[in-house]
């Protein structure tokens, strides 16, 4: 399998952070390669995302690094993960699941020098008997404080990892897709404007949502944004959940025209429409009026039909006028 070299930092347990153990040590992990056919998939730059047939074995190389001025002992292992309540969840300690049992690391630990790094190779061997499904796990790098924490006799443990989303099944990769549903404006308890959008995963692969919201045509022709959406929403196939966007505190109520763009990997969708934020803190506004693609299509179809009817009517009038002119200017004589 061809691979491409990459250098972007990978995710921690939430997919977007690093571990900060006692002191100021920072432990991180980053993928060093991805399949060449996934270079255009942003998720594959941070996560192990793949589709394979049963009986396939493949590898991924990654790097664990430290920014601590002191040496660090790092434990390395794979453990169970899942998706629950529109969140990517992970099991405590080294709890196994089916996917984690297929993962073998070429080392179980790494002793990093100050600000050091170490390469690691993960081999994922899918058994021939594996059933068709998408599975989830995390490959962890874990550090523990050398002694008890500041408030007790329990050592502090921090870990950072790379998520794995592995779909197993015959044939090509199942499609990924989602739909943006109802969008509701609100104000938080302290008065900050916010929107909540309902999203449904209509594809066959898990999705990790991110995106942004822009406002335009507001009071006095104001525009605002873009404002980033929260990045902790993960939906399993068939799942549904909410994604939120917090906006600037000084924004007036509206009305506003909005553009909400959400994406997961290669898939992106945009919802547009109008909304008005409630005036009172801690309350919800009316759902946004969405600009439906079906409505636009019907409007275009009606416009085309009206234009066609006008052209036909004009043509009929001209034809009728020509016939009248011909009958008046060239009368027929009697037959003899």
Protein backbone atom coordinates (compact mmCIF):
# COMPACT_ATOMS: atom_id res chain seq x y z
CA UNK A 1 0.00 0.00 0.00
CA UNK A 2 1.36 3.40 -0.95
CA UNK A 3 1.67 5.96 1.81
CA UNK A 4 2.23 9.71 1.99
CA UNK A 5 4.42 11.37 4.58
CA UNK A 6 2.76 13.95 6.82
CA UNK A 7 3.86 16.12 9.70
CA UNK A 8 0.76 17.61 11.32
CA UNK A 9 0.21 16.85 15.03
CA UNK A 10 -2.38 14.20 15.65
CA UNK A 11 -5.13 14.19 18.18
CA UNK A 12 -5.19 13.48 21.85
CA UNK A 13 -7.99 11.65 23.63
CA UNK A 14 -10.56 14.12 22.28
CA UNK A 15 -8.83 14.28 18.95
CA UNK A 16 -7.55 17.83 19.32
CA UNK A 17 -5.43 18.17 22.46
CA UNK A 18 -2.18 17.10 24.09
CA UNK A 19 -1.44 15.65 27.52
CA UNK A 20 -0.11 17.99 30.20
CA UNK A 21 1.15 15.89 33.11
CA UNK A 22 2.51 17.17 36.41
CA UNK A 23 4.92 20.02 35.93
CA UNK A 24 5.03 21.40 32.43
CA UNK A 25 5.67 18.24 30.47
CA UNK A 26 3.72 17.93 27.24
CA UNK A 27 3.33 14.57 25.54
CA UNK A 28 2.01 14.38 22.00
CA UNK A 29 1.55 11.91 19.17
CA UNK A 30 1.41 12.48 15.44
CA UNK A 31 0.91 10.24 12.45
CA UNK A 32 3.87 9.95 10.10
CA UNK A 33 2.04 8.35 7.18
CA UNK A 34 -1.39 7.93 5.65
CA UNK A 35 -2.60 6.01 2.58
CA UNK A 36 -1.97 7.91 -0.65
CA UNK A 37 -5.66 7.63 -1.56
CA UNK A 38 -6.60 9.54 1.61
CA UNK A 39 -4.30 12.53 1.32
CA UNK A 40 -7.32 14.71 0.51
CA UNK A 41 -9.19 13.48 3.62
CA UNK A 42 -8.47 15.85 6.55
CA UNK A 43 -9.53 13.24 9.12
CA UNK A 44 -6.84 10.86 7.92
CA UNK A 45 -4.17 13.41 8.82
CA UNK A 46 -5.11 13.07 12.50
CA UNK A 47 -6.82 9.68 12.79
CA UNK A 48 -6.39 6.18 11.42
CA UNK A 49 -9.37 6.00 9.04
CA UNK A 50 -9.59 3.09 6.63
CA UNK A 51 -11.73 0.44 4.95
CA UNK A 52 -10.30 -3.05 4.41
CA UNK A 53 -11.45 -6.53 3.50
CA UNK A 54 -11.39 -9.33 6.07
CA UNK A 55 -7.96 -10.94 6.24
CA UNK A 56 -6.09 -7.67 5.53
CA UNK A 57 -2.97 -6.62 7.44
CA UNK A 58 -1.62 -3.06 7.25
CA UNK A 59 0.65 -0.75 9.22
CA UNK A 60 0.74 2.87 10.34
CA UNK A 61 3.80 4.69 11.61
CA UNK A 62 3.46 7.44 14.18
CA UNK A 63 5.67 9.39 16.53
CA UNK A 64 5.44 10.09 20.26
CA UNK A 65 7.21 13.23 21.43
CA UNK A 66 7.82 15.27 24.57
CA UNK A 67 8.39 18.97 25.13
CA UNK A 68 9.40 18.41 28.75
CA UNK A 69 12.86 19.54 29.89
CA UNK A 70 13.09 16.22 31.75
CA UNK A 71 13.20 12.62 30.48
CA UNK A 72 9.81 10.89 30.20
CA UNK A 73 8.83 7.22 30.37
CA UNK A 74 5.86 6.65 28.05
CA UNK A 75 3.68 3.53 27.98
CA UNK A 76 2.18 2.59 24.61
CA UNK A 77 -0.91 0.43 24.05
CA UNK A 78 -4.21 0.14 22.18
CA UNK A 79 -7.57 0.17 23.98
CA UNK A 80 -11.30 0.17 23.35
CA UNK A 81 -13.31 3.14 22.11
CA UNK A 82 -16.84 3.77 20.88
CA UNK A 83 -19.42 6.40 19.98
CA UNK A 84 -22.16 7.26 22.47
CA UNK A 85 -24.39 10.31 22.83
CA UNK A 86 -22.83 12.02 19.76
CA UNK A 87 -19.38 11.81 21.38
CA UNK A 88 -16.32 9.67 20.70
CA UNK A 89 -15.82 7.78 23.95
CA UNK A 90 -12.92 5.71 25.23
CA UNK A 91 -12.64 3.01 27.87
CA UNK A 92 -10.54 3.33 31.04
CA UNK A 93 -6.96 2.04 31.20
CA UNK A 94 -6.24 -0.84 28.82
CA UNK A 95 -9.81 -2.10 28.41
CA UNK A 96 -9.78 -4.14 25.18
CA UNK A 97 -12.28 -4.54 22.38
CA UNK A 98 -12.22 -6.38 19.07
CA UNK A 99 -10.29 -3.74 17.13
CA UNK A 100 -7.73 -3.08 19.87
CA UNK A 101 -7.01 -6.84 19.98
CA UNK A 102 -6.02 -6.67 16.31
CA UNK A 103 -3.44 -3.92 16.96
CA UNK A 104 0.17 -4.81 17.71
CA UNK A 105 2.79 -2.14 18.50
CA UNK A 106 6.47 -2.74 17.84
CA UNK A 107 7.22 -1.37 21.32
CA UNK A 108 5.24 -1.24 24.55
CA UNK A 109 7.05 1.79 25.94
CA UNK A 110 9.47 4.55 25.04
CA UNK A 111 12.00 6.38 27.20
CA UNK A 112 12.15 9.88 25.78
CA UNK A 113 15.05 12.20 26.54
CA UNK A 114 14.33 15.84 27.32
CA UNK A 115 12.32 17.22 24.40
CA UNK A 116 12.82 13.91 22.66
CA UNK A 117 10.78 11.76 20.32
CA UNK A 118 10.50 8.13 19.26
CA UNK A 119 8.98 6.37 16.23
CA UNK A 120 6.36 3.66 16.71
CA UNK A 121 4.85 1.22 14.21
CA UNK A 122 1.33 -0.14 14.63
CA UNK A 123 0.36 -3.31 12.78
CA UNK A 124 -3.36 -3.95 12.37
CA UNK A 125 -4.16 -7.54 11.40
CA UNK A 126 -7.83 -8.08 10.56
CA UNK A 127 -8.76 -11.77 10.82
CA UNK A 128 -10.39 -13.50 7.87
CA UNK A 129 -13.47 -14.25 9.98
CA UNK A 130 -14.10 -10.56 10.84
CA UNK A 131 -17.71 -9.56 10.29
CA UNK A 132 -18.82 -6.53 8.30
CA UNK A 133 -18.88 -3.45 10.58
CA UNK A 134 -17.06 -0.26 11.53
CA UNK A 135 -14.96 -0.53 14.69
CA UNK A 136 -13.27 2.03 16.94
CA UNK A 137 -10.18 2.09 19.16
CA UNK A 138 -7.43 4.42 20.39
CA UNK A 139 -3.66 3.91 20.36
CA UNK A 140 -2.48 5.58 23.57
CA UNK A 141 0.74 7.15 24.81
CA UNK A 142 0.58 7.39 28.61
CA UNK A 143 2.76 9.12 31.19
CA UNK A 144 2.47 8.98 34.98
CA UNK A 145 3.84 11.33 37.60
CA UNK A 146 6.82 9.90 39.51
CA UNK A 147 5.01 10.25 42.84
CA UNK A 148 1.65 11.09 44.44
CA UNK A 149 -0.34 14.04 43.21
CA UNK A 150 -0.43 17.32 45.13
CA UNK A 151 -3.77 16.51 46.83
CA UNK A 152 -3.47 12.82 47.66
CA UNK A 153 -1.54 9.62 47.45
CA UNK A 154 -2.56 8.71 43.89
CA UNK A 155 -0.11 9.26 41.05
CA UNK A 156 -1.32 11.46 38.20
CA UNK A 157 -1.75 9.67 34.87
CA UNK A 158 -2.14 11.49 31.57
CA UNK A 159 -2.54 10.01 28.13
CA UNK A 160 -2.81 11.18 24.55
CA UNK A 161 -3.80 9.05 21.60
CA UNK A 162 -4.69 8.51 17.98
CA UNK A 163 -8.22 7.46 17.17
CA UNK A 164 -8.81 4.50 14.84
CA UNK A 165 -11.93 4.18 12.69
CA UNK A 166 -11.71 0.88 10.79
CA UNK A 167 -14.49 -0.34 8.53
CA UNK A 168 -14.31 -4.00 7.59
CA UNK A 169 -16.25 -5.50 4.71
CA UNK A 170 -16.08 -6.71 1.12
CA UNK A 171 -15.94 -4.37 -1.84
CA UNK A 172 -15.43 -0.63 -1.82
CA UNK A 173 -15.71 1.75 1.09
CA UNK A 174 -19.26 2.56 2.25
CA UNK A 175 -20.37 6.16 1.59
CA UNK A 176 -20.15 8.96 4.14
CA UNK A 177 -22.83 11.66 4.25
CA UNK A 178 -24.94 13.76 6.59
CA UNK A 179 -27.87 16.19 6.59
CA UNK A 180 -28.26 19.50 8.41
CA UNK A 181 -31.71 19.76 9.97
CA UNK A 182 -33.33 22.33 12.25
CA UNK A 183 -31.24 25.35 13.28
CA UNK A 184 -32.34 27.22 16.40
CA UNK A 185 -30.88 30.51 17.70
CA UNK A 186 -30.66 31.12 21.43
CA UNK A 187 -28.87 33.14 24.08
CA UNK A 188 -26.89 31.48 26.85
CA UNK A 189 -27.60 32.20 30.50
CA UNK A 190 -25.10 35.06 30.38
CA UNK A 191 -26.59 36.48 27.17
CA UNK A 192 -24.14 35.23 24.54
CA UNK A 193 -25.79 34.45 21.18
CA UNK A 194 -25.57 30.85 20.04
CA UNK A 195 -27.04 28.54 17.42
CA UNK A 196 -27.77 24.83 17.77
CA UNK A 197 -28.01 22.76 14.58
CA UNK A 198 -29.35 19.21 14.45
CA UNK A 199 -27.33 16.92 12.21
CA UNK A 200 -28.16 13.38 11.05
CA UNK A 201 -25.53 10.91 9.85
CA UNK A 202 -27.12 9.47 6.70
CA UNK A 203 -24.02 7.57 5.58
CA UNK A 204 -22.43 4.26 6.50
CA UNK A 205 -19.30 5.60 8.26
CA UNK A 206 -18.86 7.58 11.47
CA UNK A 207 -18.39 11.33 11.02
CA UNK A 208 -16.51 13.96 13.05
CA UNK A 209 -18.13 17.33 12.48
CA UNK A 210 -16.51 20.74 12.31
CA UNK A 211 -17.39 23.94 10.48
CA UNK A 212 -18.26 27.60 10.76
CA UNK A 213 -21.14 30.09 10.69
CA UNK A 214 -21.17 33.46 8.92
CA UNK A 215 -23.79 36.20 9.28
CA UNK A 216 -24.69 38.91 6.77
CA UNK A 217 -27.45 41.39 5.92
CA UNK A 218 -28.00 42.15 9.60
CA UNK A 219 -29.21 45.40 11.17
CA UNK A 220 -27.59 48.40 9.43
CA UNK A 221 -26.21 45.94 6.83
CA UNK A 222 -23.89 44.38 9.42
CA UNK A 223 -21.90 41.22 8.74
CA UNK A 224 -20.15 39.00 11.29
CA UNK A 225 -18.01 35.90 11.45
CA UNK A 226 -17.02 33.34 10.55
CA UNK A 227 -17.53 31.74 13.97
CA UNK A 228 -16.18 28.19 14.52
CA UNK A 229 -18.50 25.33 15.44
CA UNK A 230 -17.71 23.04 18.36
CA UNK A 231 -15.45 20.17 17.32
CA UNK A 232 -16.48 17.42 19.73
CA UNK A 233 -19.48 15.99 17.85
CA UNK A 234 -19.03 12.47 16.48
CA UNK A 235 -21.98 10.58 15.01
CA UNK A 236 -22.19 6.87 14.34
CA UNK A 237 -23.98 5.69 11.17
CA UNK A 238 -27.67 6.46 11.59
CA UNK A 239 -26.94 8.70 14.57
CA UNK A 240 -28.27 12.17 15.24
CA UNK A 241 -26.87 14.97 17.38
CA UNK A 242 -26.42 18.69 17.86
CA UNK A 243 -23.57 20.96 16.89
CA UNK A 244 -23.28 24.42 18.44
CA UNK A 245 -21.73 27.73 17.44
CA UNK A 246 -21.06 30.50 19.96
CA UNK A 247 -21.08 34.02 18.50
CA UNK A 248 -19.88 37.46 19.56
CA UNK A 249 -21.52 38.86 22.67
CA UNK A 250 -22.18 42.27 21.11
CA UNK A 251 -24.24 40.99 18.17
CA UNK A 252 -27.72 42.53 17.82
CA UNK A 253 -30.75 40.26 17.64
CA UNK A 254 -31.19 40.55 13.88
CA UNK A 255 -32.73 39.47 11.63
CA UNK A 256 -29.66 37.95 9.97
CA UNK A 257 -28.92 35.94 6.86
CA UNK A 258 -26.71 33.01 7.83
CA UNK A 259 -24.45 30.49 6.09
CA UNK A 260 -23.60 27.40 8.14
CA UNK A 261 -21.00 25.11 6.57
CA UNK A 262 -20.26 21.76 8.23
CA UNK A 263 -17.82 19.10 7.09
CA UNK A 264 -16.44 15.72 8.00
CA UNK A 265 -13.47 14.55 6.02
CA UNK A 266 -14.23 14.92 2.32
CA UNK A 267 -17.96 15.61 2.84
CA UNK A 268 -19.25 19.18 3.23
CA UNK A 269 -22.74 20.70 3.32
CA UNK A 270 -24.01 24.27 3.72
CA UNK A 271 -27.33 25.48 5.12
CA UNK A 272 -28.52 29.03 4.49
CA UNK A 273 -31.50 31.05 5.64
CA UNK A 274 -32.57 33.76 8.07
CA UNK A 275 -32.70 33.83 11.86
CA UNK A 276 -33.28 36.21 14.75
CA UNK A 277 -31.74 35.80 18.19
CA UNK A 278 -33.99 36.15 21.25
CA UNK A 279 -33.55 39.31 23.30
CA UNK A 280 -33.62 37.70 26.74
CA UNK A 281 -30.70 35.70 28.17
CA UNK A 282 -31.28 31.98 28.66
CA UNK A 283 -34.04 31.72 26.06
CA UNK A 284 -34.55 30.13 22.65
CA UNK A 285 -35.67 31.90 19.51
CA UNK A 286 -37.83 30.65 16.67
CA UNK A 287 -36.21 28.04 14.39
CA UNK A 288 -34.36 29.55 11.45
CA UNK A 289 -36.14 29.85 8.13
CA UNK A 290 -34.04 27.66 5.85
CA UNK A 291 -33.53 28.29 2.16
CA UNK A 292 -34.61 24.89 0.87
CA UNK A 293 -32.93 23.59 -2.30
CA UNK A 294 -36.31 22.08 -3.24
CA UNK A 295 -37.96 25.49 -2.90
CA UNK A 296 -35.31 27.06 -5.12
CA UNK A 297 -35.71 24.28 -7.68
CA UNK A 298 -39.48 24.70 -7.75
CA UNK A 299 -39.14 28.47 -8.06
CA UNK A 300 -36.76 28.04 -10.99
CA UNK A 301 -39.11 25.53 -12.62
CA UNK A 302 -42.04 27.94 -12.24
CA UNK A 303 -39.95 30.76 -13.71
CA UNK A 304 -38.96 28.61 -16.70
CA UNK A 305 -42.59 27.60 -17.22
CA UNK A 306 -43.75 31.24 -17.11
CA UNK A 307 -41.09 32.30 -19.60
CA UNK A 308 -42.02 29.41 -21.91
CA UNK A 309 -45.71 30.31 -21.65
CA UNK A 310 -44.95 33.95 -22.44
CA UNK A 311 -42.91 32.95 -25.50
CA UNK A 312 -45.70 30.65 -26.72
CA UNK A 313 -48.33 33.35 -26.18
CA UNK A 314 -46.24 35.92 -28.04
CA UNK A 315 -45.65 33.47 -30.89
CA UNK A 316 -49.36 32.66 -31.09
CA UNK A 317 -50.31 36.36 -31.25
CA UNK A 318 -47.79 37.00 -34.02
CA UNK A 319 -48.99 33.98 -35.98
CA UNK A 320 -52.62 35.06 -35.57
CA UNK A 321 -51.79 38.62 -36.66
CA UNK A 322 -50.02 37.35 -39.79
CA UNK A 323 -52.99 35.21 -40.78
CA UNK A 324 -55.36 38.18 -40.40
CA UNK A 325 -53.02 40.37 -42.45
CA UNK A 326 -52.80 37.73 -45.18
CA UNK A 327 -56.58 37.33 -45.32
CA UNK A 328 -57.12 41.12 -45.62
CA UNK A 329 -54.42 41.91 -48.17
CA UNK A 330 -54.95 38.97 -50.60
CA UNK A 331 -58.69 38.14 -50.90
CA UNK A 332 -59.66 35.11 -52.99
CA UNK A 333 -61.81 35.67 -56.18
CA UNK A 334 -64.73 33.56 -57.36
CA UNK A 335 -63.94 30.27 -59.04
CA UNK A 336 -64.94 29.98 -62.68
